[in-house]
Protein backbone atom coordinates (compact mmCIF):
# COMPACT_ATOMS: atom_id res chain seq x y z
CA MET A 1 41.97 -107.21 15.05
CA ASN A 2 41.38 -103.24 14.36
CA ARG A 3 41.65 -101.48 11.09
CA ILE A 4 41.57 -98.61 9.62
CA LEU A 5 40.78 -98.91 5.40
CA VAL A 6 41.40 -95.17 3.74
CA LEU A 7 39.78 -94.95 0.14
CA ILE A 8 41.84 -92.64 -1.59
CA THR A 9 40.50 -90.41 -5.41
CA LEU A 10 43.15 -88.77 -7.69
CA SER A 11 41.79 -85.18 -8.69
CA GLU A 12 42.16 -85.40 -12.89
CA ASN A 13 44.49 -82.33 -12.32
CA GLY A 14 46.90 -84.24 -9.51
CA ILE A 15 46.73 -87.25 -12.23
CA ASP A 16 48.24 -85.64 -14.99
CA ILE A 17 50.91 -83.27 -12.41
CA ILE A 18 51.97 -86.80 -10.96
CA LYS A 19 52.76 -88.54 -13.82
CA SER A 20 54.90 -84.88 -15.27
CA ASN A 21 57.56 -85.03 -12.17
CA PRO A 22 58.67 -89.49 -12.02
CA GLU A 23 60.48 -88.86 -9.22
CA LEU A 24 56.36 -88.38 -7.48
CA PRO A 25 56.13 -91.88 -7.41
CA LYS A 26 59.39 -92.94 -6.41
CA LYS A 27 58.84 -90.89 -3.09
CA GLU A 28 55.11 -91.90 -2.52
CA MET A 29 56.77 -95.52 -2.95
CA GLU A 30 58.75 -95.11 -0.43
CA TYR A 31 56.45 -94.20 2.26
CA VAL A 32 54.25 -97.45 1.39
CA ASN A 33 57.21 -99.12 1.86
CA GLN A 34 58.24 -97.92 4.99
CA TRP A 35 54.90 -98.12 6.18
CA LYS A 36 55.06 -102.18 4.65
CA GLN A 37 58.55 -103.07 6.44
CA GLN A 38 57.29 -101.36 10.51
CA ASN A 39 54.04 -103.37 10.29
CA ILE A 40 51.58 -100.49 9.71
CA LEU A 41 50.08 -100.70 6.58
CA GLU A 42 49.40 -104.32 6.59
CA SER A 43 47.78 -104.05 2.20
CA PHE A 44 48.03 -101.54 -0.10
CA PHE A 45 46.21 -101.68 -3.84
CA ILE A 46 45.79 -99.67 -6.64
CA SER A 47 43.29 -99.46 -9.13
CA VAL A 48 44.02 -100.32 -12.89
CA SER A 49 43.90 -96.57 -13.77
CA LYS A 50 45.95 -94.73 -11.32
CA LYS A 51 43.33 -92.95 -9.51
CA ASP A 52 42.04 -94.83 -7.09
CA ALA A 53 44.23 -96.78 -4.05
CA VAL A 54 43.30 -98.65 -0.70
CA LEU A 55 45.18 -98.51 1.67
CA ILE A 56 44.71 -100.70 5.75
CA PHE A 57 46.44 -100.07 8.46
CA GLN A 58 47.30 -101.84 10.87
CA ASN A 59 48.22 -100.92 15.38
CA ILE A 60 47.58 -97.19 14.32
CA ASP A 61 44.59 -95.33 15.68
CA GLU A 62 42.81 -93.12 13.19
CA ILE A 63 44.12 -89.93 14.20
CA LYS A 64 47.62 -91.40 13.27
CA THR A 65 46.82 -92.61 10.30
CA LYS A 66 45.37 -89.32 9.21
CA GLU A 67 48.61 -87.98 9.74
CA LEU A 68 50.15 -90.18 7.81
CA ILE A 69 48.08 -89.44 4.59
CA GLU A 70 49.05 -86.14 5.40
CA ILE A 71 52.65 -86.63 4.30
CA LEU A 72 52.06 -88.46 1.23
CA PRO A 73 53.54 -86.12 -1.63
CA TYR A 74 50.38 -87.49 -3.84
CA PHE A 75 48.14 -85.31 -0.87
CA PRO A 76 48.18 -82.16 -2.49
CA HIS A 77 46.82 -84.38 -5.46
CA MET A 78 44.18 -86.02 -3.29
CA GLU A 79 40.54 -85.69 -4.31
CA LYS A 80 39.18 -87.85 -2.05
CA ILE A 81 40.02 -89.34 1.31
CA GLU A 82 37.66 -91.90 3.32
CA TYR A 83 38.72 -93.49 6.89
CA HIS A 84 36.74 -96.56 7.91
CA ASN A 85 37.69 -98.24 11.07
CA LEU A 86 37.07 -102.20 10.31
CA ASN A 87 36.64 -105.07 12.63
CA LYS A 88 39.11 -108.25 10.94
CA GLN A 89 37.32 -111.02 11.33
CA PHE A 90 38.99 -113.86 10.23
């Protein structure tokens, strides 16, 4: 079963902007919850520092995954985004 692992790191400036705007996290989580309900987001992790996130997508390809990440409210504040195609073994 194929998966797309997405590793995201927010910029320092972006973290400050997000913290100062309480609506941004709410809007971000609306997307995450919607993807979970659509069964395209298998897992979602946030680091303790809240600077990094790991998302594991399923049932979509890398092109669609990139399109989804780019619509997130946090996208302009992302410093680094890595995409990894994986084969789930168990």
